[in-house]
Amino acid sequence: MRIHLIACRVLQRELSYFISQSPQMIDVDWLHQGLHDTPDLLRKMVQSRMDQIHEDMQRRLLKHKPDVIALGYGLCSNGVVGLTTSDIPLVIPRTDDCIALFLGSQKRYLELFETMNGSYWLNNGWIESSYDSTLSQQEQRQRKWQQYAEEYGEENADFLLEQEELWIKNYNTCGYIFSNVYTNPRYEDVAKEMAANNHWGFKSFQGDERMLRLLARGEWNDEEFLFCPPYHRVEAEYTGKKIRAVPLEVK
């Protein structure tokens, strides 16, 4: 089976490993981290990549038509809601976001959410794609302040940085997820430093990459993955499965 995978870069280390071990033939498009903050842009970029596959086929730039397009995304702030398929089916994990993928299941994610409400999650992928781990948090903050000061003046720099950091008050704990694929001791230190600087608690957890392994191997059970047939649209679903597929209207 040929799979074309479109995935967030935070999954790159783990998914790359399981792709290398997969019996399936897989091509990958990596999209930059942070698109869940702008779900309309996430939807637009994923749909654009899906449409590009068909354009490349029509222009004979793509030798082999994928049997399936799979996403390395969960619901992600409803960023996958509204995606449409043409003649290639689409597979999407039934999770809130990538944290559940790193923890092994939506069930485990929800269990930890109940006991650790107010947690900010980090792992190697998030740190590599979102932070400069060679700098301390204070050094990164100072660098950002300097950029704002040069562009907007010192008083405005103080205000802008203060507004940017309001999100910190929404959390009380940093949860760090260890990877079974790749571990860098420095990254746990980065997470602990963030927790200390933001006056949060700190807890670490062993990750479980089973859903990422299933995704790469093409082993998609209906309980954990949505199979969206050709000429369907992805919609939100509110009974626990997160998303469903509905037929496109014939015009």
Protein backbone atom coordinates (compact mmCIF):
# COMPACT_ATOMS: atom_id res chain seq x y z
CA MET A 1 0.00 0.00 0.00
CA ARG A 2 1.16 3.51 -0.82
CA ILE A 3 0.51 6.13 1.84
CA HIS A 4 1.04 9.87 1.48
CA LEU A 5 1.50 11.25 4.99
CA ILE A 6 0.97 14.93 5.87
CA ALA A 7 2.20 15.58 9.40
CA CYS A 8 3.23 18.20 11.93
CA ARG A 9 6.99 18.49 12.36
CA VAL A 10 6.76 17.81 16.10
CA LEU A 11 6.18 14.15 15.15
CA GLN A 12 9.21 13.95 12.89
CA ARG A 13 11.60 11.83 14.97
CA GLU A 14 9.03 9.23 16.04
CA LEU A 15 7.15 9.01 12.75
CA SER A 16 10.38 8.88 10.72
CA TYR A 17 11.48 5.88 12.76
CA PHE A 18 8.20 4.01 12.30
CA ILE A 19 8.07 4.92 8.61
CA SER A 20 11.52 3.33 8.21
CA GLN A 21 10.16 0.13 9.78
CA SER A 22 6.81 0.12 7.98
CA PRO A 23 5.93 -2.50 5.34
CA GLN A 24 4.04 0.25 3.50
CA MET A 25 5.51 2.68 0.95
CA ILE A 26 5.24 6.17 2.45
CA ASP A 27 5.89 9.70 1.20
CA VAL A 28 5.82 12.54 3.74
CA ASP A 29 5.04 16.25 3.77
CA TRP A 30 6.13 17.93 7.02
CA LEU A 31 4.27 21.08 8.03
CA HIS A 32 5.71 23.53 10.55
CA GLN A 33 4.76 23.43 14.21
CA GLY A 34 2.15 25.79 15.63
CA LEU A 35 -0.58 25.57 12.98
CA HIS A 36 -3.06 24.40 15.64
CA ASP A 37 -2.96 27.99 16.93
CA THR A 38 -4.53 29.08 13.63
CA PRO A 39 -6.90 26.21 12.74
CA ASP A 40 -8.19 27.90 9.58
CA LEU A 41 -4.61 28.11 8.29
CA LEU A 42 -3.97 24.49 9.31
CA ARG A 43 -7.03 23.37 7.36
CA LYS A 44 -6.02 25.47 4.36
CA MET A 45 -2.45 24.15 4.29
CA VAL A 46 -3.42 20.49 4.71
CA GLN A 47 -6.13 20.78 2.03
CA SER A 48 -3.62 22.49 -0.25
CA ARG A 49 -1.15 19.62 0.17
CA MET A 50 -3.91 17.10 -0.51
CA ASP A 51 -4.98 18.96 -3.65
CA GLN A 52 -1.34 19.23 -4.77
CA ILE A 53 -1.10 15.43 -4.89
CA HIS A 54 -3.87 15.37 -7.50
CA GLU A 55 -2.30 18.23 -9.45
CA ASP A 56 1.02 16.41 -9.53
CA MET A 57 -0.73 13.29 -10.80
CA GLN A 58 -2.46 15.22 -13.57
CA ARG A 59 0.85 16.81 -14.60
CA ARG A 60 2.52 13.37 -14.43
CA LEU A 61 4.96 14.59 -11.80
CA LEU A 62 3.85 11.81 -9.48
CA LYS A 63 4.50 8.29 -10.76
CA HIS A 64 2.32 6.38 -8.33
CA LYS A 65 -1.09 7.37 -7.02
CA PRO A 66 -1.34 7.01 -3.22
CA ASP A 67 -3.86 4.50 -1.98
CA VAL A 68 -4.47 6.64 1.09
CA ILE A 69 -3.59 10.08 2.44
CA ALA A 70 -2.93 9.92 6.20
CA LEU A 71 -2.56 12.83 8.62
CA GLY A 72 -0.15 13.21 11.50
CA TYR A 73 -2.71 15.44 13.20
CA GLY A 74 -5.57 14.97 15.60
CA LEU A 75 -8.56 17.28 15.82
CA CYS A 76 -6.11 20.12 16.56
CA SER A 77 -8.50 22.95 17.49
CA ASN A 78 -10.89 21.76 14.73
CA GLY A 79 -8.16 22.36 12.16
CA VAL A 80 -9.02 19.12 10.33
CA VAL A 81 -12.77 19.80 10.32
CA GLY A 82 -13.88 20.76 6.82
CA LEU A 83 -11.21 18.83 4.91
CA THR A 84 -12.61 17.15 1.80
CA THR A 85 -11.48 14.11 -0.16
CA SER A 86 -11.63 13.55 -3.89
CA ASP A 87 -10.84 10.06 -5.19
CA ILE A 88 -8.23 9.23 -2.50
CA PRO A 89 -9.45 8.29 1.00
CA LEU A 90 -8.13 10.07 4.09
CA VAL A 91 -7.13 8.67 7.51
CA ILE A 92 -7.00 10.84 10.66
CA PRO A 93 -6.28 9.83 14.28
CA ARG A 94 -9.30 10.31 16.57
CA THR A 95 -7.40 12.40 19.15
CA ASP A 96 -7.66 15.94 20.44
CA ASP A 97 -4.09 16.69 19.40
CA CYS A 98 -0.57 15.29 19.13
CA ILE A 99 -0.18 14.98 22.92
CA ALA A 100 -2.48 11.96 22.83
CA LEU A 101 -0.33 10.52 20.03
CA PHE A 102 2.80 10.89 22.17
CA LEU A 103 1.03 9.36 25.19
CA GLY A 104 -0.24 6.37 23.24
CA SER A 105 -4.00 6.91 23.20
CA GLN A 106 -6.81 9.41 23.59
CA LYS A 107 -7.94 7.40 26.64
CA ARG A 108 -4.64 7.92 28.48
CA TYR A 109 -4.62 11.59 27.50
CA LEU A 110 -8.10 12.12 28.97
CA GLU A 111 -7.19 10.25 32.15
CA LEU A 112 -4.17 12.50 32.69
CA PHE A 113 -6.22 15.56 31.77
CA GLU A 114 -8.58 14.74 34.63
CA THR A 115 -5.79 14.46 37.19
CA MET A 116 -3.49 17.13 35.72
CA ASN A 117 -5.85 19.84 34.53
CA GLY A 118 -3.79 22.95 33.79
CA SER A 119 -0.77 21.10 32.38
CA TYR A 120 1.49 22.43 29.63
CA TRP A 121 2.95 19.48 27.74
CA LEU A 122 6.43 19.24 26.26
CA ASN A 123 8.56 16.58 24.61
CA ASN A 124 11.54 16.42 22.29
CA GLY A 125 9.51 17.33 19.18
CA TRP A 126 7.94 20.40 20.78
CA ILE A 127 11.25 21.64 22.14
CA GLU A 128 13.13 21.11 18.88
CA SER A 129 10.48 22.82 16.77
CA SER A 130 9.47 25.60 19.17
CA TYR A 131 12.50 26.55 21.25
CA ASP A 132 16.19 27.29 20.93
CA SER A 133 17.45 24.78 23.47
CA THR A 134 20.93 26.35 23.38
CA LEU A 135 19.51 29.42 25.16
CA SER A 136 17.89 29.63 28.57
CA GLN A 137 14.30 30.84 28.78
CA GLN A 138 15.53 34.14 30.21
CA GLU A 139 17.99 34.55 27.32
CA GLN A 140 15.21 33.86 24.82
CA ARG A 141 12.97 36.35 26.60
CA GLN A 142 15.68 39.00 26.52
CA ARG A 143 16.29 38.40 22.83
CA LYS A 144 12.60 38.82 22.06
CA TRP A 145 12.42 41.98 24.20
CA GLN A 146 15.38 43.42 22.30
CA GLN A 147 13.68 42.75 18.97
CA TYR A 148 10.50 44.48 20.14
CA ALA A 149 12.46 47.41 21.59
CA GLU A 150 14.29 48.00 18.32
CA GLU A 151 11.05 47.91 16.36
CA TYR A 152 8.54 49.51 18.73
CA GLY A 153 10.51 51.20 21.52
CA GLU A 154 11.33 50.04 25.05
CA GLU A 155 8.00 50.88 26.71
CA ASN A 156 6.05 49.10 23.99
CA ALA A 157 8.44 46.15 24.24
CA ASP A 158 7.58 45.74 27.92
CA PHE A 159 3.86 45.83 27.15
CA LEU A 160 4.03 43.44 24.19
CA LEU A 161 6.06 40.90 26.13
CA GLU A 162 3.69 41.14 29.09
CA GLN A 163 0.70 40.48 26.84
CA GLU A 164 2.43 37.56 25.18
CA GLU A 165 3.05 35.93 28.54
CA LEU A 166 -0.53 36.08 29.82
CA TRP A 167 -1.00 32.45 28.71
CA ILE A 168 1.39 31.35 31.46
CA LYS A 169 -1.31 31.97 34.07
CA ASN A 170 -3.53 29.35 32.45
CA TYR A 171 -1.18 26.54 33.53
CA ASN A 172 0.14 25.16 36.81
CA THR A 173 2.27 22.18 35.74
CA CYS A 174 4.72 21.26 33.00
CA GLY A 175 4.27 17.64 31.89
CA TYR A 176 7.31 16.27 30.06
CA ILE A 177 6.87 13.16 27.88
CA PHE A 178 9.88 10.91 27.33
CA SER A 179 10.23 9.29 23.92
CA ASN A 180 11.06 5.63 23.39
CA VAL A 181 12.55 6.57 20.03
CA TYR A 182 14.87 9.45 20.97
CA THR A 183 15.97 11.00 24.25
CA ASN A 184 18.09 14.09 24.84
CA PRO A 185 18.76 14.77 28.56
CA ARG A 186 19.06 18.48 27.82
CA TYR A 187 15.40 18.65 26.80
CA GLU A 188 14.15 17.53 30.20
CA ASP A 189 16.31 20.29 31.71
CA VAL A 190 14.65 22.79 29.35
CA ALA A 191 11.22 21.64 30.54
CA LYS A 192 12.26 21.85 34.21
CA GLU A 193 13.67 25.33 33.64
CA MET A 194 10.42 26.46 32.03
CA ALA A 195 8.43 25.09 34.95
CA ALA A 196 10.65 26.87 37.48
CA ASN A 197 10.62 30.20 35.62
CA ASN A 198 6.84 30.10 35.27
CA HIS A 199 6.28 28.92 38.88
CA TRP A 200 4.73 25.66 37.73
CA GLY A 201 5.09 22.16 39.10
CA PHE A 202 6.91 19.55 37.04
CA LYS A 203 6.05 15.92 36.26
CA SER A 204 7.55 13.52 33.72
CA PHE A 205 5.85 10.64 31.91
CA GLN A 206 7.01 7.78 29.74
CA GLY A 207 5.67 8.17 26.24
CA ASP A 208 3.94 5.47 24.21
CA GLU A 209 4.23 5.65 20.42
CA ARG A 210 1.76 2.87 19.62
CA MET A 211 -0.67 5.12 17.68
CA LEU A 212 2.17 6.57 15.61
CA ARG A 213 3.34 3.02 14.87
CA LEU A 214 -0.19 2.01 13.82
CA LEU A 215 -0.45 5.15 11.67
CA ALA A 216 2.78 4.36 9.82
CA ARG A 217 2.01 0.66 9.42
CA GLY A 218 -1.45 1.30 7.98
CA GLU A 219 -3.13 -0.55 10.87
CA TRP A 220 -6.11 1.73 11.39
CA ASN A 221 -8.85 0.51 13.70
CA ASP A 222 -12.14 2.45 13.60
CA GLU A 223 -12.04 3.21 17.32
CA GLU A 224 -8.85 5.27 17.04
CA PHE A 225 -8.73 6.36 13.40
CA LEU A 226 -11.28 7.91 11.07
CA PHE A 227 -11.31 6.43 7.56
CA CYS A 228 -12.81 9.14 5.36
CA PRO A 229 -13.86 7.62 2.00
CA PRO A 230 -13.52 9.39 -1.36
CA TYR A 231 -15.78 12.40 -1.93
CA HIS A 232 -16.49 12.98 1.74
CA ARG A 233 -15.99 15.85 4.17
CA VAL A 234 -14.62 15.69 7.71
CA GLU A 235 -17.01 16.96 10.38
CA ALA A 236 -16.77 17.27 14.17
CA GLU A 237 -18.42 14.47 16.15
CA TYR A 238 -19.52 14.84 19.76
CA THR A 239 -20.01 11.30 21.09
CA GLY A 240 -16.32 10.76 21.83
CA LYS A 241 -15.00 9.79 18.40
CA LYS A 242 -14.04 13.42 17.66
CA ILE A 243 -14.58 13.36 13.89
CA ARG A 244 -16.78 11.68 11.27
CA ALA A 245 -17.04 11.52 7.49
CA VAL A 246 -20.11 12.77 5.60
CA PRO A 247 -20.74 12.50 1.86
CA LEU A 248 -20.20 15.59 -0.25
CA GLU A 249 -23.33 17.00 -1.83
CA VAL A 250 -23.62 16.18 -5.51
CA LYS A 251 -24.16 19.34 -7.57
